[in-house]
Amino acid sequence: MTAAGLAIGGVFVLAMIGVSTWAWRALPPDVRIPVHSGIGGYDNFRSKTRGLITWPVGGVVIYGVFLGVIEGVVPRHGSGNPAVIIIPIVLAVVLVAQVGAIRAALRQPRSR
């Protein structure tokens, strides 16, 4: 895998950490964070702390799994390593889902 592919994937993971950090300050303490655990929408709501940690940890796991699987399976001949394209696309989708989850949490009615 090229350094550019590693860097782009790392930027997406850092963006996920940044979104969680921003949301930590913007959301009230009793909010529930939706977590996407499969195709079909958000189906699991977690506490603020657990939900905001779950998204970046999921990004790191995806990043590591793709790196390990692709580096172990894809032959190293030629310059066309699919990991350079696949990892950023998958992490971008996860980042968009995370932002959607934060937006959904912001719309929750606040208890007084």
N, C-alpha and C. Protein backbone atom coordinates (compact mmCIF):
# COMPACT_ATOMS: atom_id res chain seq x y z
N MET A 1 0.85 -1.18 0.00
CA MET A 1 0.00 0.00 0.00
C MET A 1 0.88 1.23 0.00
N THR A 2 0.47 2.22 -0.71
CA THR A 2 1.26 3.42 -0.81
C THR A 2 1.07 4.31 0.41
N ALA A 3 2.00 5.23 0.57
CA ALA A 3 1.90 6.18 1.67
C ALA A 3 0.69 7.08 1.51
N ALA A 4 0.31 7.38 0.27
CA ALA A 4 -0.87 8.22 0.03
C ALA A 4 -2.13 7.53 0.52
N GLY A 5 -2.27 6.24 0.26
CA GLY A 5 -3.42 5.49 0.73
C GLY A 5 -3.50 5.46 2.25
N LEU A 6 -2.36 5.24 2.89
CA LEU A 6 -2.32 5.26 4.35
C LEU A 6 -2.69 6.63 4.89
N ALA A 7 -2.17 7.67 4.27
CA ALA A 7 -2.44 9.03 4.73
C ALA A 7 -3.91 9.40 4.56
N ILE A 8 -4.50 9.06 3.43
CA ILE A 8 -5.91 9.39 3.21
C ILE A 8 -6.80 8.66 4.21
N GLY A 9 -6.53 7.39 4.43
CA GLY A 9 -7.29 6.64 5.44
C GLY A 9 -7.12 7.23 6.82
N GLY A 10 -5.90 7.62 7.15
CA GLY A 10 -5.63 8.25 8.45
C GLY A 10 -6.37 9.57 8.61
N VAL A 11 -6.47 10.33 7.53
CA VAL A 11 -7.20 11.60 7.59
C VAL A 11 -8.67 11.35 7.89
N PHE A 12 -9.25 10.34 7.29
CA PHE A 12 -10.65 10.02 7.57
C PHE A 12 -10.85 9.59 9.02
N VAL A 13 -9.93 8.79 9.54
CA VAL A 13 -10.03 8.38 10.95
C VAL A 13 -9.90 9.60 11.86
N LEU A 14 -8.96 10.49 11.55
CA LEU A 14 -8.82 11.72 12.35
C LEU A 14 -10.07 12.59 12.24
N ALA A 15 -10.69 12.63 11.08
CA ALA A 15 -11.94 13.39 10.93
C ALA A 15 -13.04 12.80 11.81
N MET A 16 -13.09 11.47 11.90
CA MET A 16 -14.09 10.83 12.76
C MET A 16 -13.84 11.17 14.22
N ILE A 17 -12.58 11.22 14.62
CA ILE A 17 -12.25 11.60 15.99
C ILE A 17 -12.64 13.06 16.22
N GLY A 18 -12.39 13.91 15.22
CA GLY A 18 -12.76 15.32 15.33
C GLY A 18 -14.26 15.52 15.45
N VAL A 19 -15.05 14.76 14.68
CA VAL A 19 -16.51 14.86 14.76
C VAL A 19 -16.99 14.44 16.15
N SER A 20 -16.42 13.36 16.69
CA SER A 20 -16.81 12.92 18.03
C SER A 20 -16.42 13.95 19.09
N THR A 21 -15.28 14.57 18.93
CA THR A 21 -14.84 15.60 19.88
C THR A 21 -15.77 16.80 19.83
N TRP A 22 -16.12 17.23 18.63
CA TRP A 22 -17.04 18.35 18.49
C TRP A 22 -18.40 18.00 19.10
N ALA A 23 -18.90 16.79 18.81
CA ALA A 23 -20.20 16.38 19.31
C ALA A 23 -20.20 16.27 20.83
N TRP A 24 -19.09 15.88 21.41
CA TRP A 24 -19.00 15.78 22.87
C TRP A 24 -19.34 17.12 23.51
N ARG A 25 -18.87 18.20 22.90
CA ARG A 25 -19.13 19.54 23.44
C ARG A 25 -20.53 20.04 23.08
N ALA A 26 -21.05 19.65 21.92
CA ALA A 26 -22.31 20.20 21.43
C ALA A 26 -23.55 19.49 21.98
N LEU A 27 -23.41 18.24 22.37
CA LEU A 27 -24.57 17.45 22.80
C LEU A 27 -24.75 17.50 24.31
N PRO A 28 -26.00 17.46 24.78
CA PRO A 28 -26.24 17.42 26.22
C PRO A 28 -25.80 16.07 26.80
N PRO A 29 -25.57 16.02 28.10
CA PRO A 29 -25.04 14.79 28.70
C PRO A 29 -25.98 13.58 28.65
N ASP A 30 -27.28 13.80 28.58
CA ASP A 30 -28.22 12.68 28.63
C ASP A 30 -28.67 12.19 27.25
N VAL A 31 -28.04 12.66 26.20
CA VAL A 31 -28.44 12.30 24.84
C VAL A 31 -28.04 10.85 24.53
N ARG A 32 -28.81 10.22 23.67
CA ARG A 32 -28.50 8.87 23.21
C ARG A 32 -28.00 8.97 21.77
N ILE A 33 -26.87 8.34 21.48
CA ILE A 33 -26.25 8.39 20.15
C ILE A 33 -26.65 7.16 19.36
N PRO A 34 -27.23 7.36 18.17
CA PRO A 34 -27.54 6.20 17.34
C PRO A 34 -26.26 5.61 16.73
N VAL A 35 -26.19 4.30 16.75
CA VAL A 35 -25.04 3.60 16.19
C VAL A 35 -25.55 2.66 15.10
N HIS A 36 -24.92 2.72 13.97
CA HIS A 36 -25.31 1.93 12.81
C HIS A 36 -24.57 0.61 12.86
N SER A 37 -25.31 -0.48 12.97
CA SER A 37 -24.64 -1.77 13.06
C SER A 37 -25.03 -2.72 11.93
N GLY A 38 -25.31 -2.15 10.79
CA GLY A 38 -25.63 -2.97 9.64
C GLY A 38 -26.42 -2.18 8.62
N ILE A 39 -26.69 -2.80 7.50
CA ILE A 39 -27.45 -2.13 6.45
C ILE A 39 -28.90 -1.97 6.91
N GLY A 40 -29.44 -0.78 6.72
CA GLY A 40 -30.85 -0.59 7.04
C GLY A 40 -31.12 0.50 8.06
N GLY A 41 -30.16 1.25 8.46
CA GLY A 41 -30.42 2.38 9.36
C GLY A 41 -29.82 2.18 10.74
N TYR A 42 -30.07 3.19 11.55
CA TYR A 42 -29.56 3.18 12.92
C TYR A 42 -30.50 2.33 13.76
N ASP A 43 -29.97 1.31 14.38
CA ASP A 43 -30.84 0.41 15.12
C ASP A 43 -30.40 0.21 16.56
N ASN A 44 -29.47 0.99 17.02
CA ASN A 44 -28.94 0.80 18.36
C ASN A 44 -28.59 2.16 18.93
N PHE A 45 -29.15 2.51 20.05
CA PHE A 45 -28.85 3.79 20.68
C PHE A 45 -28.01 3.54 21.93
N ARG A 46 -26.94 4.32 22.06
CA ARG A 46 -26.01 4.15 23.18
C ARG A 46 -25.86 5.45 23.93
N SER A 47 -25.28 5.37 25.11
CA SER A 47 -25.02 6.57 25.89
C SER A 47 -24.08 7.49 25.11
N LYS A 48 -24.02 8.74 25.51
CA LYS A 48 -23.20 9.73 24.81
C LYS A 48 -21.75 9.27 24.71
N THR A 49 -21.17 8.88 25.84
CA THR A 49 -19.76 8.49 25.85
C THR A 49 -19.52 7.27 24.97
N ARG A 50 -20.31 6.25 25.17
CA ARG A 50 -20.11 5.00 24.42
C ARG A 50 -20.37 5.21 22.93
N GLY A 51 -21.40 5.97 22.60
CA GLY A 51 -21.73 6.21 21.20
C GLY A 51 -20.67 7.01 20.47
N LEU A 52 -20.15 8.04 21.14
CA LEU A 52 -19.14 8.89 20.49
C LEU A 52 -17.80 8.19 20.36
N ILE A 53 -17.55 7.22 21.21
CA ILE A 53 -16.31 6.45 21.10
C ILE A 53 -16.46 5.33 20.05
N THR A 54 -17.66 4.79 19.93
CA THR A 54 -17.90 3.67 19.01
C THR A 54 -17.59 4.03 17.57
N TRP A 55 -18.00 5.21 17.13
CA TRP A 55 -17.80 5.58 15.72
C TRP A 55 -16.33 5.61 15.32
N PRO A 56 -15.45 6.36 16.02
CA PRO A 56 -14.04 6.35 15.60
C PRO A 56 -13.36 4.99 15.78
N VAL A 57 -13.74 4.26 16.83
CA VAL A 57 -13.16 2.93 17.02
C VAL A 57 -13.54 2.02 15.86
N GLY A 58 -14.78 2.13 15.40
CA GLY A 58 -15.20 1.37 14.22
C GLY A 58 -14.38 1.74 13.00
N GLY A 59 -14.09 3.03 12.83
CA GLY A 59 -13.25 3.47 11.72
C GLY A 59 -11.86 2.89 11.80
N VAL A 60 -11.29 2.87 12.99
CA VAL A 60 -9.94 2.31 13.17
C VAL A 60 -9.95 0.81 12.87
N VAL A 61 -10.99 0.11 13.32
CA VAL A 61 -11.08 -1.33 13.06
C VAL A 61 -11.21 -1.59 11.56
N ILE A 62 -12.07 -0.83 10.89
CA ILE A 62 -12.23 -1.00 9.44
C ILE A 62 -10.90 -0.72 8.73
N TYR A 63 -10.24 0.35 9.13
CA TYR A 63 -8.95 0.73 8.54
C TYR A 63 -7.94 -0.41 8.72
N GLY A 64 -7.84 -0.94 9.91
CA GLY A 64 -6.90 -2.03 10.18
C GLY A 64 -7.24 -3.32 9.46
N VAL A 65 -8.52 -3.67 9.44
CA VAL A 65 -8.94 -4.91 8.78
C VAL A 65 -8.66 -4.82 7.28
N PHE A 66 -9.04 -3.70 6.68
CA PHE A 66 -8.79 -3.56 5.25
C PHE A 66 -7.29 -3.60 4.95
N LEU A 67 -6.51 -2.93 5.77
CA LEU A 67 -5.05 -2.95 5.54
C LEU A 67 -4.52 -4.38 5.64
N GLY A 68 -4.93 -5.08 6.69
CA GLY A 68 -4.44 -6.44 6.88
C GLY A 68 -4.89 -7.39 5.80
N VAL A 69 -6.17 -7.34 5.45
CA VAL A 69 -6.71 -8.26 4.44
C VAL A 69 -6.14 -7.94 3.07
N ILE A 70 -6.16 -6.69 2.70
CA ILE A 70 -5.71 -6.33 1.35
C ILE A 70 -4.22 -6.53 1.21
N GLU A 71 -3.45 -6.18 2.20
CA GLU A 71 -2.01 -6.38 2.11
C GLU A 71 -1.67 -7.87 2.10
N GLY A 72 -2.47 -8.69 2.76
CA GLY A 72 -2.19 -10.12 2.79
C GLY A 72 -2.70 -10.88 1.58
N VAL A 73 -3.71 -10.35 0.89
CA VAL A 73 -4.35 -11.09 -0.19
C VAL A 73 -3.96 -10.57 -1.57
N VAL A 74 -3.91 -9.26 -1.71
CA VAL A 74 -3.67 -8.68 -3.03
C VAL A 74 -2.20 -8.79 -3.39
N PRO A 75 -1.90 -9.32 -4.55
CA PRO A 75 -0.49 -9.40 -4.96
C PRO A 75 0.11 -8.02 -5.16
N ARG A 76 1.40 -7.91 -4.97
CA ARG A 76 2.08 -6.62 -5.02
C ARG A 76 2.68 -6.30 -6.38
N HIS A 77 2.19 -6.83 -7.43
CA HIS A 77 2.73 -6.49 -8.74
C HIS A 77 1.92 -5.33 -9.33
N GLY A 78 2.59 -4.47 -10.02
CA GLY A 78 1.93 -3.32 -10.61
C GLY A 78 1.68 -2.22 -9.59
N SER A 79 1.14 -1.12 -10.06
CA SER A 79 0.90 0.01 -9.15
C SER A 79 -0.56 0.13 -8.77
N GLY A 80 -1.43 -0.72 -9.25
CA GLY A 80 -2.86 -0.59 -8.99
C GLY A 80 -3.32 -1.39 -7.78
N ASN A 81 -3.03 -0.93 -6.60
CA ASN A 81 -3.49 -1.59 -5.40
C ASN A 81 -4.89 -1.07 -5.06
N PRO A 82 -5.90 -1.94 -5.01
CA PRO A 82 -7.26 -1.47 -4.75
C PRO A 82 -7.45 -0.88 -3.36
N ALA A 83 -6.57 -1.17 -2.43
CA ALA A 83 -6.70 -0.63 -1.08
C ALA A 83 -6.64 0.88 -1.08
N VAL A 84 -5.89 1.45 -2.00
CA VAL A 84 -5.76 2.90 -2.07
C VAL A 84 -7.11 3.54 -2.35
N ILE A 85 -7.98 2.85 -3.06
CA ILE A 85 -9.31 3.36 -3.38
C ILE A 85 -10.35 2.87 -2.38
N ILE A 86 -10.30 1.61 -2.01
CA ILE A 86 -11.35 1.01 -1.19
C ILE A 86 -11.37 1.59 0.22
N ILE A 87 -10.22 1.69 0.87
CA ILE A 87 -10.18 2.16 2.26
C ILE A 87 -10.76 3.57 2.40
N PRO A 88 -10.33 4.54 1.60
CA PRO A 88 -10.92 5.87 1.75
C PRO A 88 -12.42 5.91 1.46
N ILE A 89 -12.89 5.12 0.50
CA ILE A 89 -14.32 5.12 0.19
C ILE A 89 -15.12 4.56 1.37
N VAL A 90 -14.68 3.45 1.92
CA VAL A 90 -15.39 2.86 3.06
C VAL A 90 -15.36 3.80 4.26
N LEU A 91 -14.21 4.38 4.54
CA LEU A 91 -14.12 5.30 5.68
C LEU A 91 -14.94 6.57 5.44
N ALA A 92 -15.04 7.02 4.21
CA ALA A 92 -15.88 8.19 3.92
C ALA A 92 -17.35 7.86 4.17
N VAL A 93 -17.78 6.66 3.81
CA VAL A 93 -19.16 6.25 4.08
C VAL A 93 -19.41 6.19 5.58
N VAL A 94 -18.48 5.65 6.35
CA VAL A 94 -18.63 5.58 7.80
C VAL A 94 -18.67 6.99 8.40
N LEU A 95 -17.82 7.89 7.90
CA LEU A 95 -17.82 9.27 8.39
C LEU A 95 -19.16 9.95 8.12
N VAL A 96 -19.72 9.75 6.93
CA VAL A 96 -21.03 10.34 6.61
C VAL A 96 -22.11 9.76 7.53
N ALA A 97 -22.06 8.46 7.79
CA ALA A 97 -23.02 7.84 8.71
C ALA A 97 -22.86 8.39 10.12
N GLN A 98 -21.62 8.64 10.55
CA GLN A 98 -21.38 9.22 11.87
C GLN A 98 -21.98 10.62 11.96
N VAL A 99 -21.75 11.43 10.95
CA VAL A 99 -22.31 12.79 10.94
C VAL A 99 -23.84 12.72 10.97
N GLY A 100 -24.43 11.78 10.24
CA GLY A 100 -25.88 11.60 10.28
C GLY A 100 -26.37 11.20 11.67
N ALA A 101 -25.62 10.36 12.35
CA ALA A 101 -25.98 9.95 13.70
C ALA A 101 -25.92 11.13 14.66
N ILE A 102 -24.90 11.96 14.52
CA ILE A 102 -24.77 13.14 15.38
C ILE A 102 -25.91 14.11 15.11
N ARG A 103 -26.25 14.29 13.84
CA ARG A 103 -27.38 15.17 13.50
C ARG A 103 -28.69 14.63 14.08
N ALA A 104 -28.87 13.31 14.04
CA ALA A 104 -30.07 12.71 14.63
C ALA A 104 -30.09 12.93 16.15
N ALA A 105 -28.93 12.82 16.78
CA ALA A 105 -28.85 13.05 18.22
C ALA A 105 -29.13 14.52 18.56
N LEU A 106 -28.71 15.43 17.71
CA LEU A 106 -28.98 16.85 17.94
C LEU A 106 -30.47 17.16 17.85
N ARG A 107 -31.21 16.39 17.07
CA ARG A 107 -32.65 16.61 16.90
C ARG A 107 -33.48 16.00 18.00
N GLN A 108 -32.87 15.21 18.88
CA GLN A 108 -33.64 14.58 19.95
C GLN A 108 -34.19 15.65 20.88
N PRO A 109 -35.42 15.44 21.36
CA PRO A 109 -35.97 16.42 22.32
C PRO A 109 -35.14 16.43 23.59
N ARG A 110 -34.89 17.61 24.09
CA ARG A 110 -34.09 17.74 25.32
C ARG A 110 -34.98 17.70 26.54
N SER A 111 -34.58 16.91 27.52
CA SER A 111 -35.34 16.83 28.77
C SER A 111 -34.87 17.95 29.68
N ARG A 112 -35.79 18.44 30.44
CA ARG A 112 -35.46 19.54 31.37
C ARG A 112 -35.60 19.10 32.79
